[in-house]
N, C-alpha and C. Protein backbone atom coordinates (compact mmCIF):
# COMPACT_ATOMS: atom_id res chain seq x y z
N MET A 1 36.75 -51.80 -31.45
CA MET A 1 37.96 -51.63 -31.66
C MET A 1 39.03 -50.78 -32.40
N HIS A 2 39.89 -50.34 -31.55
CA HIS A 2 40.14 -48.83 -32.23
C HIS A 2 41.83 -49.18 -32.51
N LYS A 3 42.54 -49.35 -33.83
CA LYS A 3 43.90 -49.65 -34.33
C LYS A 3 45.04 -48.74 -33.68
N LEU A 4 45.87 -49.47 -32.81
CA LEU A 4 46.76 -48.64 -32.26
C LEU A 4 48.11 -48.68 -33.04
N ASP A 5 48.93 -47.51 -33.80
CA ASP A 5 50.22 -47.96 -34.65
C ASP A 5 51.05 -48.50 -33.55
N LEU A 6 52.56 -48.13 -33.87
CA LEU A 6 53.18 -49.02 -33.25
C LEU A 6 53.74 -48.33 -32.02
N GLN A 7 54.29 -47.08 -32.96
CA GLN A 7 54.51 -45.80 -32.44
C GLN A 7 54.18 -45.00 -30.91
N ALA A 8 52.48 -45.15 -31.52
CA ALA A 8 51.27 -44.76 -30.11
C ALA A 8 51.45 -45.85 -28.90
N TYR A 9 51.68 -46.53 -29.85
CA TYR A 9 52.02 -47.89 -28.67
C TYR A 9 52.91 -47.65 -27.16
N GLN A 10 53.75 -47.48 -28.09
CA GLN A 10 55.54 -47.28 -27.52
C GLN A 10 55.23 -46.21 -26.32
N THR A 11 54.80 -45.05 -26.91
CA THR A 11 54.31 -43.46 -26.60
C THR A 11 53.49 -43.71 -25.23
N LEU A 12 52.43 -45.11 -25.12
CA LEU A 12 51.65 -45.30 -24.20
C LEU A 12 52.46 -46.53 -23.37
N ARG A 13 52.98 -46.76 -23.64
CA ARG A 13 53.80 -47.72 -22.72
C ARG A 13 55.09 -47.37 -21.95
N SER A 14 55.55 -46.28 -22.44
CA SER A 14 56.57 -45.45 -21.96
C SER A 14 56.39 -45.47 -20.32
N GLY A 15 57.55 -45.57 -19.97
CA GLY A 15 58.10 -45.58 -18.59
C GLY A 15 56.53 -46.47 -17.75
N ALA A 16 56.39 -47.58 -18.10
CA ALA A 16 55.09 -48.59 -17.62
C ALA A 16 56.18 -49.90 -17.16
N GLN A 17 55.66 -50.26 -15.81
CA GLN A 17 55.95 -51.58 -15.24
C GLN A 17 55.71 -52.83 -15.62
N VAL A 18 56.31 -53.51 -16.23
CA VAL A 18 55.80 -54.99 -16.34
C VAL A 18 55.49 -55.61 -15.22
N ILE A 19 54.13 -56.43 -14.80
CA ILE A 19 53.71 -57.06 -13.82
C ILE A 19 53.48 -58.58 -14.08
N GLU A 20 53.45 -58.49 -15.72
CA GLU A 20 53.43 -60.28 -15.80
C GLU A 20 54.18 -59.91 -17.86
N ALA A 21 54.93 -61.43 -17.66
CA ALA A 21 55.55 -61.28 -19.39
C ALA A 21 55.91 -62.98 -19.61
N ASP A 22 55.57 -63.26 -20.20
CA ASP A 22 56.01 -64.79 -20.79
C ASP A 22 57.04 -64.54 -21.97
N LYS A 23 57.45 -65.55 -22.05
CA LYS A 23 58.61 -65.55 -23.12
C LYS A 23 58.13 -64.66 -24.90
N LEU A 24 56.76 -64.75 -24.81
CA LEU A 24 56.75 -64.00 -25.80
C LEU A 24 56.48 -62.44 -25.86
N GLY A 25 56.57 -61.91 -24.77
CA GLY A 25 56.47 -60.54 -24.81
C GLY A 25 55.52 -60.19 -23.29
N ASP A 26 55.11 -58.69 -23.09
CA ASP A 26 54.29 -58.34 -22.30
C ASP A 26 53.19 -59.31 -22.07
N LYS A 27 52.47 -59.11 -21.20
CA LYS A 27 50.87 -59.41 -20.68
C LYS A 27 50.02 -58.11 -19.82
N VAL A 28 51.09 -58.23 -18.89
CA VAL A 28 50.26 -56.98 -17.85
C VAL A 28 51.16 -55.99 -17.72
N LEU A 29 51.07 -54.78 -17.76
CA LEU A 29 51.58 -53.39 -17.73
C LEU A 29 50.88 -52.36 -16.85
N ARG A 30 51.16 -52.03 -15.72
CA ARG A 30 50.82 -50.56 -15.24
C ARG A 30 52.27 -49.72 -15.81
N LEU A 31 50.78 -48.59 -15.87
CA LEU A 31 51.73 -47.45 -17.10
C LEU A 31 51.77 -46.39 -15.68
N ALA A 32 52.82 -45.55 -16.30
CA ALA A 32 53.01 -43.95 -15.74
C ALA A 32 51.84 -43.23 -14.51
N ASP A 33 50.92 -43.85 -15.59
CA ASP A 33 49.86 -42.69 -14.73
C ASP A 33 48.59 -43.49 -13.83
N GLY A 34 49.65 -44.99 -13.40
CA GLY A 34 48.70 -45.70 -12.36
C GLY A 34 47.63 -46.65 -13.50
N THR A 35 47.35 -46.67 -14.49
CA THR A 35 46.05 -47.43 -15.13
C THR A 35 47.31 -48.36 -15.37
N PHE A 36 46.11 -49.74 -16.35
CA PHE A 36 47.13 -50.83 -16.43
C PHE A 36 46.86 -50.99 -17.87
N LEU A 37 47.47 -51.97 -18.59
CA LEU A 37 47.71 -52.77 -19.97
C LEU A 37 47.70 -54.19 -19.87
N LYS A 38 46.63 -54.59 -20.28
CA LYS A 38 46.42 -56.13 -20.50
C LYS A 38 46.45 -56.66 -21.41
N LEU A 39 47.53 -57.37 -22.37
CA LEU A 39 47.93 -57.66 -24.28
C LEU A 39 47.24 -59.24 -24.02
N PHE A 40 47.04 -59.21 -25.36
CA PHE A 40 46.46 -60.60 -25.60
C PHE A 40 46.95 -60.98 -26.97
N ARG A 41 46.98 -62.94 -27.22
CA ARG A 41 47.41 -63.04 -28.27
C ARG A 41 46.67 -64.00 -28.53
N ARG A 42 46.09 -64.11 -29.83
CA ARG A 42 45.08 -65.47 -29.94
C ARG A 42 46.35 -66.38 -30.17
N LYS A 43 46.03 -67.81 -29.31
CA LYS A 43 46.79 -69.01 -29.24
C LYS A 43 46.54 -69.69 -30.56
N ARG A 44 45.68 -69.51 -31.11
CA ARG A 44 45.50 -70.65 -32.27
C ARG A 44 45.09 -70.23 -33.31
N LEU A 45 44.93 -70.33 -34.63
CA LEU A 45 44.37 -69.71 -35.43
C LEU A 45 42.84 -69.75 -35.96
N ILE A 46 42.63 -70.60 -35.47
CA ILE A 46 41.18 -71.27 -35.45
C ILE A 46 40.45 -70.95 -34.00
N SER A 47 39.60 -69.80 -33.57
CA SER A 47 39.12 -70.03 -32.49
C SER A 47 38.52 -69.30 -32.13
N SER A 48 37.53 -69.25 -31.03
CA SER A 48 36.78 -68.19 -30.56
C SER A 48 37.33 -66.42 -30.55
N ALA A 49 38.52 -66.87 -30.19
CA ALA A 49 39.15 -65.04 -30.46
C ALA A 49 39.31 -64.45 -31.42
N ALA A 50 38.76 -65.06 -32.37
CA ALA A 50 38.80 -64.79 -34.12
C ALA A 50 37.64 -63.73 -34.35
N VAL A 51 36.42 -64.71 -33.69
CA VAL A 51 35.38 -63.43 -33.54
C VAL A 51 34.72 -62.37 -32.62
N PHE A 52 35.45 -63.58 -31.44
CA PHE A 52 35.37 -62.27 -30.45
C PHE A 52 36.46 -62.08 -29.52
N PRO A 53 37.56 -61.46 -29.88
CA PRO A 53 39.00 -61.14 -29.15
C PRO A 53 38.95 -61.20 -27.73
N TYR A 54 39.72 -61.34 -26.82
CA TYR A 54 39.61 -61.57 -25.63
C TYR A 54 39.67 -59.88 -24.87
N ALA A 55 40.22 -59.10 -25.29
CA ALA A 55 39.95 -57.74 -24.53
C ALA A 55 39.01 -57.08 -24.95
N GLU A 56 38.68 -57.81 -26.19
CA GLU A 56 37.09 -57.18 -26.01
C GLU A 56 36.14 -58.28 -25.20
N ARG A 57 35.81 -59.19 -25.05
CA ARG A 57 35.45 -60.28 -23.96
C ARG A 57 35.96 -59.29 -22.62
N PHE A 58 37.09 -58.93 -22.70
CA PHE A 58 37.20 -58.29 -20.79
C PHE A 58 36.32 -56.93 -20.73
N ALA A 59 36.47 -55.90 -21.75
CA ALA A 59 35.41 -55.03 -22.02
C ALA A 59 34.11 -55.32 -21.60
N HIS A 60 33.46 -56.31 -22.56
CA HIS A 60 32.23 -56.56 -22.78
C HIS A 60 31.91 -57.34 -21.05
N ASN A 61 32.39 -58.20 -20.45
CA ASN A 61 32.46 -58.19 -19.32
C ASN A 61 32.45 -57.13 -18.30
N ALA A 62 33.17 -56.05 -18.10
CA ALA A 62 33.77 -54.98 -16.97
C ALA A 62 32.07 -54.35 -17.33
N ALA A 63 30.82 -54.34 -18.07
CA ALA A 63 30.02 -53.55 -18.57
C ALA A 63 28.86 -54.34 -18.13
N VAL A 64 28.61 -55.85 -18.39
CA VAL A 64 28.25 -56.29 -17.49
C VAL A 64 28.00 -56.46 -15.93
N LEU A 65 29.05 -56.82 -15.73
CA LEU A 65 29.42 -57.03 -14.11
C LEU A 65 29.52 -55.55 -13.48
N ALA A 66 29.57 -54.44 -14.09
CA ALA A 66 29.37 -53.13 -13.38
C ALA A 66 28.01 -52.65 -13.22
N ALA A 67 26.97 -52.89 -14.43
CA ALA A 67 25.60 -52.88 -14.45
C ALA A 67 24.94 -53.59 -13.89
N ARG A 68 25.67 -54.79 -13.01
CA ARG A 68 25.40 -55.64 -12.14
C ARG A 68 25.57 -55.10 -10.33
N GLY A 69 26.37 -54.19 -10.32
CA GLY A 69 26.59 -53.72 -9.24
C GLY A 69 28.25 -54.81 -8.60
N ILE A 70 28.37 -54.99 -9.49
CA ILE A 70 29.60 -55.83 -9.32
C ILE A 70 31.16 -54.88 -9.26
N PRO A 71 31.76 -55.13 -8.17
CA PRO A 71 33.56 -54.12 -8.56
C PRO A 71 34.19 -54.45 -9.67
N CYS A 72 34.52 -53.92 -10.69
CA CYS A 72 35.68 -54.80 -11.28
C CYS A 72 36.42 -53.26 -12.39
N PRO A 73 37.02 -54.15 -13.48
CA PRO A 73 38.05 -52.90 -13.56
C PRO A 73 36.62 -51.78 -14.26
N ARG A 74 37.74 -51.04 -14.50
CA ARG A 74 36.96 -50.19 -15.83
C ARG A 74 37.62 -49.26 -16.92
N VAL A 75 37.19 -49.91 -17.83
CA VAL A 75 37.31 -50.07 -19.80
C VAL A 75 37.64 -48.62 -19.31
N ILE A 76 38.57 -48.03 -20.19
CA ILE A 76 39.54 -46.98 -20.48
C ILE A 76 39.54 -46.77 -22.14
N ALA A 77 39.87 -48.45 -23.04
CA ALA A 77 39.60 -48.33 -24.53
C ALA A 77 40.28 -49.48 -24.35
N VAL A 78 39.90 -50.01 -25.77
CA VAL A 78 40.42 -51.53 -26.89
C VAL A 78 40.83 -50.92 -27.65
N PHE A 79 42.28 -51.77 -27.76
CA PHE A 79 42.67 -51.77 -29.34
C PHE A 79 43.69 -52.77 -29.74
N ARG A 80 43.79 -52.45 -31.04
CA ARG A 80 44.92 -53.59 -31.60
C ARG A 80 46.00 -52.80 -31.78
N VAL A 81 47.34 -53.47 -31.94
CA VAL A 81 48.57 -53.12 -32.42
C VAL A 81 49.16 -54.16 -33.43
N THR A 82 48.65 -54.29 -34.72
CA THR A 82 48.89 -54.98 -35.83
C THR A 82 50.05 -55.43 -36.00
N GLU A 83 51.66 -54.89 -35.61
CA GLU A 83 52.26 -54.95 -36.00
C GLU A 83 52.90 -55.75 -35.07
N LEU A 84 52.42 -55.90 -33.84
CA LEU A 84 52.85 -56.74 -32.99
C LEU A 84 51.96 -58.07 -32.61
N LYS A 85 50.70 -58.37 -33.26
CA LYS A 85 49.59 -59.20 -33.47
C LYS A 85 49.40 -59.21 -32.33
N ARG A 86 48.47 -58.40 -31.71
CA ARG A 86 48.33 -58.26 -29.89
C ARG A 86 47.35 -57.25 -29.84
N ASP A 87 45.82 -57.71 -28.74
CA ASP A 87 44.82 -56.96 -29.01
C ASP A 87 45.33 -56.66 -27.01
N GLY A 88 44.56 -55.42 -26.96
CA GLY A 88 44.77 -54.84 -26.21
C GLY A 88 43.35 -54.13 -24.85
N VAL A 89 43.92 -54.31 -24.09
CA VAL A 89 42.37 -53.42 -23.05
C VAL A 89 43.40 -52.67 -21.65
N HIS A 90 42.70 -51.55 -22.25
CA HIS A 90 43.83 -50.54 -21.36
C HIS A 90 42.35 -50.07 -20.15
N TYR A 91 42.81 -49.99 -19.12
CA TYR A 91 41.48 -49.56 -17.68
C TYR A 91 42.30 -49.29 -16.27
N HIS A 92 41.59 -48.46 -15.90
CA HIS A 92 41.59 -48.23 -14.24
C HIS A 92 41.61 -49.41 -13.60
N PRO A 93 42.19 -50.26 -12.51
CA PRO A 93 42.13 -51.31 -11.96
C PRO A 93 41.36 -50.64 -10.71
N LEU A 94 40.95 -51.83 -10.47
CA LEU A 94 39.91 -52.02 -9.67
C LEU A 94 40.65 -51.67 -7.47
N PRO A 95 40.23 -50.59 -7.02
CA PRO A 95 41.21 -50.66 -5.97
C PRO A 95 41.22 -51.55 -4.81
N GLY A 96 42.28 -51.82 -4.40
CA GLY A 96 41.89 -52.77 -2.88
C GLY A 96 42.59 -54.02 -2.92
N ILE A 97 42.75 -54.72 -2.26
CA ILE A 97 43.47 -56.11 -1.93
C ILE A 97 42.96 -57.71 -2.39
N THR A 98 43.75 -58.44 -2.52
CA THR A 98 42.58 -59.80 -3.03
C THR A 98 42.83 -60.15 -1.86
N LEU A 99 42.03 -61.35 -1.79
CA LEU A 99 41.89 -61.88 -1.12
C LEU A 99 43.06 -62.99 -0.71
N ARG A 100 43.63 -63.22 -1.33
CA ARG A 100 45.24 -64.19 -1.81
C ARG A 100 46.24 -63.53 -0.02
N GLU A 101 46.19 -62.26 -1.35
CA GLU A 101 46.93 -61.18 -0.12
C GLU A 101 46.77 -61.56 1.39
N LEU A 102 45.41 -60.91 1.36
CA LEU A 102 45.20 -60.46 3.08
C LEU A 102 45.19 -61.60 3.40
N VAL A 103 44.82 -63.68 3.04
CA VAL A 103 45.44 -64.25 3.94
C VAL A 103 46.92 -64.87 4.29
N ARG A 104 47.27 -63.79 2.94
CA ARG A 104 48.88 -64.08 3.41
C ARG A 104 49.14 -63.07 4.15
N GLY A 105 48.94 -61.51 4.17
CA GLY A 105 49.36 -60.99 4.58
C GLY A 105 49.19 -61.42 6.84
N GLY A 106 48.29 -62.79 7.32
CA GLY A 106 47.59 -62.64 8.46
C GLY A 106 46.43 -61.86 8.57
N LEU A 107 45.66 -62.96 9.10
CA LEU A 107 44.12 -62.57 9.28
C LEU A 107 44.02 -63.58 10.77
N SER A 108 43.17 -63.25 11.84
CA SER A 108 42.88 -63.83 12.95
C SER A 108 42.19 -65.07 12.47
N THR A 109 41.98 -65.90 13.27
CA THR A 109 40.56 -66.74 13.17
C THR A 109 39.57 -66.60 12.25
N GLU A 110 39.01 -65.54 13.94
CA GLU A 110 37.39 -65.07 13.21
C GLU A 110 37.64 -64.71 12.42
N GLN A 111 38.88 -63.63 12.07
CA GLN A 111 37.88 -62.49 10.62
C GLN A 111 38.47 -63.57 9.34
N THR A 112 39.49 -64.75 9.60
CA THR A 112 39.01 -66.28 7.86
C THR A 112 37.71 -66.50 8.32
N ALA A 113 37.70 -66.48 8.87
CA ALA A 113 35.68 -66.95 9.06
C ALA A 113 35.01 -66.26 8.24
N ARG A 114 34.90 -65.23 9.00
CA ARG A 114 34.12 -64.10 8.28
C ARG A 114 34.18 -63.90 7.39
N LEU A 115 35.65 -63.87 6.50
CA LEU A 115 36.52 -63.32 5.15
C LEU A 115 35.52 -64.32 4.20
N ARG A 116 35.78 -65.91 4.34
CA ARG A 116 35.38 -66.95 3.98
C ARG A 116 33.49 -66.92 4.09
N GLU A 117 33.21 -66.86 4.55
CA GLU A 117 31.21 -66.72 4.56
C GLU A 117 31.07 -65.64 3.53
N ARG A 118 31.94 -64.22 3.68
CA ARG A 118 31.55 -63.44 2.97
C ARG A 118 32.01 -63.83 1.13
N PHE A 119 32.87 -64.42 1.48
CA PHE A 119 33.70 -65.31 0.04
C PHE A 119 32.41 -66.38 -0.57
N ASN A 120 32.14 -67.11 0.08
CA ASN A 120 30.73 -67.89 -0.15
C ASN A 120 29.64 -67.03 -1.13
N ALA A 121 28.72 -66.36 0.17
CA ALA A 121 28.08 -65.72 -0.07
C ALA A 121 28.41 -64.79 -1.19
N PHE A 122 29.60 -64.34 -2.10
CA PHE A 122 29.47 -63.48 -2.86
C PHE A 122 29.70 -64.34 -4.11
N VAL A 123 30.78 -65.42 -4.09
CA VAL A 123 30.34 -66.86 -5.26
C VAL A 123 29.11 -66.74 -5.86
N ARG A 124 28.27 -66.90 -4.43
CA ARG A 124 26.64 -68.08 -4.96
C ARG A 124 26.06 -66.64 -5.40
N GLY A 125 26.01 -65.43 -5.55
CA GLY A 125 25.14 -65.25 -5.68
C GLY A 125 25.81 -64.50 -7.46
N LEU A 126 27.31 -64.86 -7.44
CA LEU A 126 27.86 -64.83 -9.00
C LEU A 126 27.12 -65.86 -9.82
N HIS A 127 26.89 -66.88 -9.17
CA HIS A 127 25.93 -68.19 -10.09
C HIS A 127 24.86 -67.30 -9.92
N ASP A 128 24.32 -67.25 -9.01
CA ASP A 128 23.00 -67.05 -8.96
C ASP A 128 22.02 -66.19 -10.15
N GLN A 129 23.01 -65.43 -10.40
CA GLN A 129 22.97 -63.96 -11.28
C GLN A 129 23.46 -64.73 -12.97
N GLY A 130 23.65 -66.24 -13.32
CA GLY A 130 24.50 -66.97 -14.22
C GLY A 130 25.71 -66.52 -14.75
N LEU A 131 26.27 -65.63 -13.84
CA LEU A 131 27.63 -65.85 -14.11
C LEU A 131 28.71 -66.69 -13.79
N TYR A 132 29.93 -66.92 -14.97
CA TYR A 132 30.23 -68.32 -14.75
C TYR A 132 31.72 -67.84 -15.08
N PHE A 133 32.41 -67.91 -13.63
CA PHE A 133 34.07 -67.11 -13.71
C PHE A 133 35.16 -68.35 -13.78
N ARG A 134 35.88 -68.85 -14.36
CA ARG A 134 36.80 -69.85 -15.20
C ARG A 134 38.08 -69.64 -14.26
N SER A 135 37.78 -68.42 -14.04
CA SER A 135 39.39 -68.11 -13.21
C SER A 135 39.22 -67.71 -12.18
N LEU A 136 38.16 -68.20 -11.36
CA LEU A 136 37.89 -68.46 -9.81
C LEU A 136 39.16 -68.66 -8.92
N HIS A 137 39.37 -68.19 -7.97
CA HIS A 137 40.03 -68.13 -6.90
C HIS A 137 41.02 -66.51 -6.42
N LEU A 138 41.85 -66.87 -4.80
CA LEU A 138 41.22 -66.00 -4.30
C LEU A 138 42.42 -65.09 -4.77
N GLY A 139 43.36 -64.83 -5.58
CA GLY A 139 43.52 -63.62 -6.22
C GLY A 139 43.07 -63.36 -7.19
N ASN A 140 42.22 -63.68 -7.44
CA ASN A 140 40.82 -62.92 -8.28
C ASN A 140 39.71 -62.08 -7.90
N VAL A 141 39.65 -62.11 -6.76
CA VAL A 141 38.73 -62.05 -5.55
C VAL A 141 39.09 -60.42 -4.89
N VAL A 142 38.52 -58.94 -4.83
CA VAL A 142 39.44 -57.82 -4.33
C VAL A 142 38.57 -57.35 -3.64
N LEU A 143 38.71 -57.34 -2.03
CA LEU A 143 38.30 -56.69 -1.27
C LEU A 143 38.29 -55.25 -1.06
N THR A 144 37.23 -54.52 -1.53
CA THR A 144 37.70 -52.72 -2.16
C THR A 144 37.94 -52.06 -0.83
N PRO A 145 38.28 -50.83 -1.13
CA PRO A 145 38.47 -49.49 0.20
C PRO A 145 36.85 -49.94 0.84
N ASP A 146 35.59 -49.62 -0.12
CA ASP A 146 34.59 -49.79 0.45
C ASP A 146 33.94 -50.55 1.22
N ASP A 147 35.01 -51.80 1.33
CA ASP A 147 33.79 -53.03 2.07
C ASP A 147 33.05 -53.45 0.90
N ARG A 148 33.65 -53.79 -0.32
CA ARG A 148 32.92 -54.59 -0.99
C ARG A 148 33.97 -55.89 -1.57
N LEU A 149 33.35 -56.90 -2.03
CA LEU A 149 34.10 -58.00 -2.91
C LEU A 149 33.42 -57.85 -4.31
N GLY A 150 35.34 -58.04 -4.90
CA GLY A 150 34.86 -57.45 -6.65
C GLY A 150 35.68 -58.44 -7.26
N LEU A 151 35.52 -58.41 -8.64
CA LEU A 151 36.54 -59.22 -9.57
C LEU A 151 37.78 -58.53 -10.58
N ILE A 152 38.63 -59.05 -10.51
CA ILE A 152 40.11 -59.21 -11.66
C ILE A 152 40.11 -60.20 -12.40
N ASP A 153 41.15 -59.32 -13.95
CA ASP A 153 41.11 -60.69 -14.37
C ASP A 153 39.84 -61.04 -15.01
N ILE A 154 39.07 -60.56 -15.88
CA ILE A 154 37.58 -60.71 -16.20
C ILE A 154 37.78 -61.49 -16.99
N SER A 155 38.58 -61.63 -18.36
CA SER A 155 38.61 -62.42 -19.58
C SER A 155 37.70 -63.68 -19.80
N ASP A 156 38.00 -64.05 -18.65
CA ASP A 156 37.29 -65.64 -18.46
C ASP A 156 35.65 -65.32 -17.78
N VAL A 157 35.00 -64.47 -17.71
CA VAL A 157 33.41 -64.42 -17.14
C VAL A 157 33.18 -64.95 -18.60
N ARG A 158 31.58 -66.06 -18.12
CA ARG A 158 30.76 -66.05 -19.25
C ARG A 158 29.55 -65.62 -18.59
N VAL A 159 28.74 -65.53 -18.97
CA VAL A 159 27.69 -64.78 -18.81
C VAL A 159 26.42 -65.89 -19.24
N HIS A 160 25.65 -66.71 -18.36
CA HIS A 160 24.25 -66.96 -18.75
C HIS A 160 23.06 -66.49 -19.23
N ARG A 161 22.32 -67.02 -19.37
CA ARG A 161 20.93 -66.06 -19.29
C ARG A 161 20.35 -66.57 -18.23
N LYS A 162 20.27 -67.73 -17.38
CA LYS A 162 19.59 -67.96 -16.37
C LYS A 162 20.31 -68.44 -14.92
N ALA A 163 20.23 -68.46 -14.16
CA ALA A 163 21.10 -69.00 -13.01
C ALA A 163 21.76 -70.19 -13.09
N LEU A 164 22.68 -70.21 -12.81
CA LEU A 164 23.77 -71.48 -13.30
C LEU A 164 23.11 -72.70 -12.87
N SER A 165 23.37 -73.99 -13.66
CA SER A 165 23.22 -75.19 -13.37
C SER A 165 24.06 -75.33 -12.67
N PRO A 166 23.28 -76.63 -11.43
CA PRO A 166 24.37 -77.38 -10.78
C PRO A 166 25.83 -78.04 -11.51
N PHE A 167 25.47 -78.55 -12.57
CA PHE A 167 26.87 -78.94 -13.42
C PHE A 167 27.92 -77.59 -13.47
N TRP A 168 27.17 -76.77 -13.48
CA TRP A 168 27.83 -75.25 -14.20
C TRP A 168 28.76 -74.99 -12.75
N ARG A 169 27.90 -74.87 -11.90
CA ARG A 169 28.47 -74.23 -10.44
C ARG A 169 29.56 -75.23 -9.83
N ALA A 170 29.54 -76.51 -9.93
CA ALA A 170 30.45 -77.52 -9.37
C ALA A 170 31.41 -77.14 -10.47
N ARG A 171 31.14 -77.11 -11.54
CA ARG A 171 32.79 -76.91 -12.62
C ARG A 171 33.49 -75.91 -12.44
N ASN A 172 32.52 -74.24 -11.93
CA ASN A 172 33.46 -73.42 -11.78
C ASN A 172 34.26 -73.18 -10.71
N LEU A 173 34.03 -74.42 -9.61
CA LEU A 173 35.00 -74.55 -8.39
C LEU A 173 35.94 -75.35 -8.10
N ARG A 174 36.40 -76.09 -9.89
CA ARG A 174 37.27 -76.81 -10.08
C ARG A 174 38.58 -76.18 -9.80
N ARG A 175 39.14 -74.98 -10.33
CA ARG A 175 40.35 -74.55 -10.69
C ARG A 175 40.75 -74.15 -9.26
N MET A 176 39.97 -73.41 -8.66
CA MET A 176 40.51 -73.27 -6.79
C MET A 176 40.02 -74.78 -5.89
N GLU A 177 39.50 -75.39 -6.17
CA GLU A 177 39.68 -76.75 -5.72
C GLU A 177 41.09 -77.35 -5.89
N GLY A 178 41.79 -77.72 -6.86
CA GLY A 178 42.99 -77.50 -7.37
C GLY A 178 44.10 -76.37 -6.31
N ILE A 179 43.39 -75.75 -5.85
CA ILE A 179 44.92 -74.18 -5.08
C ILE A 179 45.17 -75.05 -4.12
N GLU A 180 46.01 -75.64 -3.21
CA GLU A 180 46.52 -75.61 -2.26
C GLU A 180 46.49 -74.25 -0.96
N GLY A 181 45.70 -74.63 -0.29
CA GLY A 181 45.52 -73.38 0.89
C GLY A 181 44.16 -72.82 0.23
N GLU A 182 43.73 -73.10 -0.48
CA GLU A 182 42.35 -72.01 -0.85
C GLU A 182 41.48 -73.43 -0.98
N ARG A 183 41.07 -74.44 -1.42
CA ARG A 183 40.19 -75.22 -1.53
C ARG A 183 39.57 -75.23 -0.71
N ASP A 184 39.75 -75.20 1.10
CA ASP A 184 39.41 -75.00 1.97
C ASP A 184 38.21 -74.19 2.45
N TRP A 185 38.32 -73.30 1.45
CA TRP A 185 37.60 -72.04 1.36
C TRP A 185 36.72 -72.18 0.99
N LEU A 186 36.12 -73.24 -0.16
CA LEU A 186 34.90 -73.48 -1.07
C LEU A 186 34.10 -74.59 0.27
N ASP A 187 33.04 -73.54 0.31
CA ASP A 187 31.78 -74.14 0.80
C ASP A 187 30.68 -74.64 0.39
N ARG A 188 30.80 -76.42 -0.38
CA ARG A 188 29.73 -76.82 -1.51
C ARG A 188 28.31 -76.62 -0.76
N GLU A 189 28.22 -76.54 0.55
CA GLU A 189 26.66 -77.15 0.63
C GLU A 189 26.36 -75.89 0.26
N ILE A 190 26.91 -74.33 0.42
CA ILE A 190 25.85 -73.24 0.23
C ILE A 190 26.26 -72.86 -1.37
N LEU A 191 27.56 -73.05 -1.81
CA LEU A 191 27.58 -72.84 -3.46
C LEU A 191 26.75 -73.56 -4.30
N LEU A 192 26.61 -75.46 -3.89
CA LEU A 192 25.95 -75.94 -4.75
C LEU A 192 24.45 -76.61 -4.24
N ALA A 193 23.91 -75.57 -3.03
CA ALA A 193 22.85 -75.71 -2.73
C ALA A 193 21.37 -75.57 -3.77
N PRO A 194 20.31 -76.08 -3.02
CA PRO A 194 19.61 -75.98 -4.58
C PRO A 194 18.83 -74.58 -4.64
N ASP A 195 18.87 -74.47 -5.80
CA ASP A 195 18.00 -73.39 -6.13
C ASP A 195 16.85 -71.99 -5.03
N GLY A 196 17.20 -71.52 -4.57
CA GLY A 196 16.34 -70.65 -3.39
C GLY A 196 17.23 -71.09 -2.11
N ALA A 197 18.10 -71.29 -1.84
CA ALA A 197 18.52 -71.86 -0.49
C ALA A 197 19.49 -70.60 -1.04
N ARG A 198 19.81 -69.38 -0.54
CA ARG A 198 20.27 -68.58 -0.39
C ARG A 198 21.01 -68.41 0.54
N ALA A 199 22.55 -67.72 0.67
CA ALA A 199 22.82 -67.67 2.01
C ALA A 199 23.10 -66.07 2.04
N ALA A 200 22.36 -65.71 3.32
CA ALA A 200 22.85 -64.79 3.93
C ALA A 200 24.18 -63.84 3.69
N PRO A 201 24.45 -63.02 3.69
CA PRO A 201 26.06 -62.18 3.59
C PRO A 201 26.67 -62.04 4.93
N ALA A 202 27.65 -62.28 5.40
CA ALA A 202 28.28 -62.23 6.38
C ALA A 202 28.35 -60.65 6.88
N ALA A 203 28.24 -60.48 8.51
CA ALA A 203 29.10 -59.07 8.55
C ALA A 203 30.23 -58.80 8.52
N PRO A 204 30.45 -57.23 8.21
CA PRO A 204 31.77 -57.04 7.69
C PRO A 204 32.67 -57.57 9.12
N TRP A 205 33.91 -57.55 8.82
CA TRP A 205 34.64 -58.06 9.49
C TRP A 205 35.88 -56.80 10.05
């Protein structure tokens, strides 16, 4: 992680569109060249972020996912703006459309069924590779232009050494189970099946 002074940050940020912000400031920016900045602040004085900052987690997870053939954002740089007490990651966004946007845009019953099957096979594959994604929901899974499923907002990915245990697989579904209109996308028979009970990916729709 390199340090970026305030002037250099403001130059980088010039002309940016604010995608997400809170009362404490910017969180996600789309820069003039189409790349993105994601900013992080440490929420507690004593936390794991002091040892492994969220921006570095994002970059680490992007490298892990890319090495395993899972589409995800491509990191350009990780930096710290000391004057703002923020860490940041500069990256190329993953091209495509989120499954949430696809659903809200209107799909036929057949398209929905096929996409749901692909989604569950994709998540099962993540679990089999030991990837725990705490922010799993349809808004964080993207259908890319080359018809693959990938992940965004990846700072919450945790990499386990082995395939996830039944406990971690079930726990990984909790956030999405609490989202009205998305919990029905989860096929627990596939996602929580014993090791070896692999789901075949659905045909493109």
